[in-house]
Every structure is written in C-alpha cells, then in structure tokens.
Amino acid sequence: MTANKRYYRDVKKLFPVYLKKEKLYLNQLKEQIDEYEDTSYEELVDIFGNPIDIVKAFVNEISKFDCDFDLVSGRYVIDAKSIMGIFSLDLSKPIDLNIHADGAALDSVMEIIDKYTVE
C-alpha cells in the first residue's frame, strides 16, 4: 500500500461522524494527497497534518459548548468530549452523534460540527 493510500485511510477511519460535507472534504483531501505520488507518509503528515489531530480538533470544538454529546456505536455510548472515549470505539464502523441541545444552541453546534460529519 502506498503512503498516500495509508495516510488517507488513517484520516478517514479517524473521522468520528460521517455526513455529506465530510465526504466532500475527504474526497478533496484524497485528490490533494494523490498529487503527492512519490511522497513518504511522514512528508504527508508534514504537509496535511497528523490524522489524530482531526479527532483532537473535533473534541476541542465541541468542548466549547455546555451541552452534552454522545457518540453511539452499536451498543456502546461514550462522551464525545472524551478523546480516550473516541479512541475506544471502532472508528472503522458507523458512529452516530447525539447532541443534547435545542434551538439556537443546536444551530451553533451544527455549524461547528458540520465539517466533521460524513453521510
């Protein structure tokens, strides 16, 4: 497996939520990664960032809100504000995000997490 494919796979499996915008983001990222054909994995990390940083950014973004967030995978429910909790899930399987907010708070949350979701 090439470094490009391995890097893309690592980024994709770390995304906690999948909706349309994230799918678009991942496709665009894949196109950009593919432009670096003969590049090592380490060089890709230097260019695009560490895949784990994506999860950290997600947790940092949702931690700004007072409401609760749950990630649900099968029968497991974990606090979405917990990096350790996120990494305890099988990130290669579908994960649902439950947001315990409504009204303006929910609208604000949706604006922030929109970039992390993939349908």
C-alpha atoms as a PDB file:
ATOM      1  CA  MET A   1       0.000   0.000   0.000  1.00  0.00           C
ATOM      2  CA  THR A   2       1.365   3.413  -0.932  1.00  0.00           C
ATOM      3  CA  ALA A   3       1.967   6.112   1.657  1.00  0.00           C
ATOM      4  CA  ASN A   4      -0.820   8.170   0.051  1.00  0.00           C
ATOM      5  CA  LYS A   5      -3.400   5.414   0.466  1.00  0.00           C
ATOM      6  CA  ARG A   6      -2.261   4.623   4.007  1.00  0.00           C
ATOM      7  CA  TYR A   7      -2.435   8.277   5.052  1.00  0.00           C
ATOM      8  CA  TYR A   8      -5.904   8.723   3.516  1.00  0.00           C
ATOM      9  CA  ARG A   9      -7.127   5.513   5.173  1.00  0.00           C
ATOM     10  CA  ASP A  10      -5.823   6.703   8.555  1.00  0.00           C
ATOM     11  CA  VAL A  11      -7.538  10.083   8.206  1.00  0.00           C
ATOM     12  CA  LYS A  12     -10.819   8.549   7.062  1.00  0.00           C
ATOM     13  CA  LYS A  13     -11.055   5.967   9.831  1.00  0.00           C
ATOM     14  CA  LEU A  14     -10.432   8.625  12.500  1.00  0.00           C
ATOM     15  CA  PHE A  15     -13.404  10.765  11.492  1.00  0.00           C
ATOM     16  CA  PRO A  16     -15.963  10.254  14.253  1.00  0.00           C
ATOM     17  CA  VAL A  17     -19.024  11.293  12.227  1.00  0.00           C
ATOM     18  CA  TYR A  18     -19.835  10.945   8.506  1.00  0.00           C
ATOM     19  CA  LEU A  19     -22.170  13.297   6.607  1.00  0.00           C
ATOM     20  CA  LYS A  20     -22.194  14.941   3.178  1.00  0.00           C
ATOM     21  CA  LYS A  21     -19.691  17.740   3.869  1.00  0.00           C
ATOM     22  CA  GLU A  22     -17.163  15.363   5.406  1.00  0.00           C
ATOM     23  CA  LYS A  23     -17.462  13.040   2.448  1.00  0.00           C
ATOM     24  CA  LEU A  24     -16.775  16.022   0.195  1.00  0.00           C
ATOM     25  CA  TYR A  25     -13.854  17.067   2.424  1.00  0.00           C
ATOM     26  CA  LEU A  26     -12.392  13.558   2.354  1.00  0.00           C
ATOM     27  CA  ASN A  27     -12.733  13.351  -1.438  1.00  0.00           C
ATOM     28  CA  GLN A  28     -10.986  16.690  -1.845  1.00  0.00           C
ATOM     29  CA  LEU A  29      -8.277  15.627   0.586  1.00  0.00           C
ATOM     30  CA  LYS A  30      -7.793  12.387  -1.350  1.00  0.00           C
ATOM     31  CA  GLU A  31      -7.365  14.347  -4.579  1.00  0.00           C
ATOM     32  CA  GLN A  32      -4.790  16.594  -2.915  1.00  0.00           C
ATOM     33  CA  ILE A  33      -2.954  13.638  -1.387  1.00  0.00           C
ATOM     34  CA  ASP A  34      -2.875  11.873  -4.759  1.00  0.00           C
ATOM     35  CA  GLU A  35      -0.935  14.827  -6.179  1.00  0.00           C
ATOM     36  CA  TYR A  36       1.963  13.790  -3.909  1.00  0.00           C
ATOM     37  CA  GLU A  37       2.549  10.453  -5.620  1.00  0.00           C
ATOM     38  CA  ASP A  38       6.106   9.714  -4.515  1.00  0.00           C
ATOM     39  CA  THR A  39       5.857  11.206  -1.045  1.00  0.00           C
ATOM     40  CA  SER A  40       6.520   9.358   2.207  1.00  0.00           C
ATOM     41  CA  TYR A  41       3.932   9.064   4.973  1.00  0.00           C
ATOM     42  CA  GLU A  42       5.987  11.406   7.157  1.00  0.00           C
ATOM     43  CA  GLU A  43       6.080  14.029   4.418  1.00  0.00           C
ATOM     44  CA  LEU A  44       2.299  13.778   4.042  1.00  0.00           C
ATOM     45  CA  VAL A  45       1.930  14.364   7.788  1.00  0.00           C
ATOM     46  CA  ASP A  46       4.156  17.442   7.448  1.00  0.00           C
ATOM     47  CA  ILE A  47       2.020  18.737   4.574  1.00  0.00           C
ATOM     48  CA  PHE A  48      -1.508  17.858   5.758  1.00  0.00           C
ATOM     49  CA  GLY A  49      -1.097  17.262   9.487  1.00  0.00           C
ATOM     50  CA  ASN A  50      -1.309  14.253  11.754  1.00  0.00           C
ATOM     51  CA  PRO A  51      -4.554  12.251  11.332  1.00  0.00           C
ATOM     52  CA  ILE A  52      -5.040  12.184  15.105  1.00  0.00           C
ATOM     53  CA  ASP A  53      -5.138  15.988  15.118  1.00  0.00           C
ATOM     54  CA  ILE A  54      -8.505  15.761  13.364  1.00  0.00           C
ATOM     55  CA  VAL A  55     -10.021  13.997  16.372  1.00  0.00           C
ATOM     56  CA  LYS A  56      -8.379  16.473  18.746  1.00  0.00           C
ATOM     57  CA  ALA A  57      -9.831  19.371  16.751  1.00  0.00           C
ATOM     58  CA  PHE A  58     -13.303  17.774  16.871  1.00  0.00           C
ATOM     59  CA  VAL A  59     -13.108  17.330  20.665  1.00  0.00           C
ATOM     60  CA  ASN A  60     -11.804  20.875  21.136  1.00  0.00           C
ATOM     61  CA  GLU A  61     -14.634  22.310  19.055  1.00  0.00           C
ATOM     62  CA  ILE A  62     -17.468  20.510  20.838  1.00  0.00           C
ATOM     63  CA  SER A  63     -15.919  21.081  24.276  1.00  0.00           C
ATOM     64  CA  LYS A  64     -16.701  24.783  23.850  1.00  0.00           C
ATOM     65  CA  PHE A  65     -20.409  24.012  24.309  1.00  0.00           C
ATOM     66  CA  ASP A  66     -22.207  23.441  27.631  1.00  0.00           C
ATOM     67  CA  CYS A  67     -24.479  20.744  26.205  1.00  0.00           C
ATOM     68  CA  ASP A  68     -23.736  17.016  26.196  1.00  0.00           C
ATOM     69  CA  PHE A  69     -22.640  14.987  23.176  1.00  0.00           C
ATOM     70  CA  ASP A  70     -22.717  11.199  22.895  1.00  0.00           C
ATOM     71  CA  LEU A  71     -21.103   9.034  20.241  1.00  0.00           C
ATOM     72  CA  VAL A  72     -23.014   5.792  19.689  1.00  0.00           C
ATOM     73  CA  SER A  73     -21.507   2.753  18.001  1.00  0.00           C
ATOM     74  CA  GLY A  74     -23.616  -0.379  18.269  1.00  0.00           C
ATOM     75  CA  ARG A  75     -24.387  -0.838  21.961  1.00  0.00           C
ATOM     76  CA  TYR A  76     -21.591   1.478  23.100  1.00  0.00           C
ATOM     77  CA  VAL A  77     -22.278   5.081  24.101  1.00  0.00           C
ATOM     78  CA  ILE A  78     -19.368   7.337  25.019  1.00  0.00           C
ATOM     79  CA  ASP A  79     -18.903  11.007  25.837  1.00  0.00           C
ATOM     80  CA  ALA A  80     -17.953  12.709  22.570  1.00  0.00           C
ATOM     81  CA  LYS A  81     -15.871  15.225  24.538  1.00  0.00           C
ATOM     82  CA  SER A  82     -13.524  12.419  25.590  1.00  0.00           C
ATOM     83  CA  ILE A  83     -10.555  11.755  23.313  1.00  0.00           C
ATOM     84  CA  MET A  84      -9.924   8.465  25.116  1.00  0.00           C
ATOM     85  CA  GLY A  85     -13.579   7.551  24.682  1.00  0.00           C
ATOM     86  CA  ILE A  86     -13.446   8.235  20.946  1.00  0.00           C
ATOM     87  CA  PHE A  87     -10.345   6.085  20.526  1.00  0.00           C
ATOM     88  CA  SER A  88     -12.038   3.269  22.453  1.00  0.00           C
ATOM     89  CA  LEU A  89     -14.576   2.944  19.623  1.00  0.00           C
ATOM     90  CA  ASP A  90     -14.048   1.034  16.405  1.00  0.00           C
ATOM     91  CA  LEU A  91     -13.717   4.093  14.166  1.00  0.00           C
ATOM     92  CA  SER A  92     -13.964   2.000  11.018  1.00  0.00           C
ATOM     93  CA  LYS A  93     -17.671   1.374  11.767  1.00  0.00           C
ATOM     94  CA  PRO A  94     -20.537   3.885  11.546  1.00  0.00           C
ATOM     95  CA  ILE A  95     -20.881   6.158  14.556  1.00  0.00           C
ATOM     96  CA  ASP A  96     -23.856   8.349  15.414  1.00  0.00           C
ATOM     97  CA  LEU A  97     -23.540  11.642  17.266  1.00  0.00           C
ATOM     98  CA  ASN A  98     -26.339  12.518  19.681  1.00  0.00           C
ATOM     99  CA  ILE A  99     -26.455  16.210  20.586  1.00  0.00           C
ATOM    100  CA  HIS A 100     -28.374  17.155  23.707  1.00  0.00           C
ATOM    101  CA  ALA A 101     -29.269  20.733  22.749  1.00  0.00           C
ATOM    102  CA  ASP A 102     -32.067  22.614  21.028  1.00  0.00           C
ATOM    103  CA  GLY A 103     -32.883  25.972  19.466  1.00  0.00           C
ATOM    104  CA  ALA A 104     -30.053  28.439  18.937  1.00  0.00           C
ATOM    105  CA  ALA A 105     -27.586  26.233  20.826  1.00  0.00           C
ATOM    106  CA  LEU A 106     -28.251  23.368  18.408  1.00  0.00           C
ATOM    107  CA  ASP A 107     -27.826  25.675  15.404  1.00  0.00           C
ATOM    108  CA  SER A 108     -24.453  26.834  16.737  1.00  0.00           C
ATOM    109  CA  VAL A 109     -23.344  23.266  17.353  1.00  0.00           C
ATOM    110  CA  MET A 110     -24.383  22.173  13.863  1.00  0.00           C
ATOM    111  CA  GLU A 111     -22.349  24.961  12.270  1.00  0.00           C
ATOM    112  CA  ILE A 112     -19.227  23.817  14.110  1.00  0.00           C
ATOM    113  CA  ILE A 113     -19.533  20.060  13.712  1.00  0.00           C
ATOM    114  CA  ASP A 114     -20.715  20.208  10.109  1.00  0.00           C
ATOM    115  CA  LYS A 115     -17.143  19.864   8.835  1.00  0.00           C
ATOM    116  CA  TYR A 116     -16.613  16.675  10.844  1.00  0.00           C
ATOM    117  CA  THR A 117     -19.653  14.784   9.623  1.00  0.00           C
ATOM    118  CA  VAL A 118     -19.880  12.383   6.693  1.00  0.00           C
ATOM    119  CA  GLU A 119     -23.071  10.833   5.308  1.00  0.00           C
END
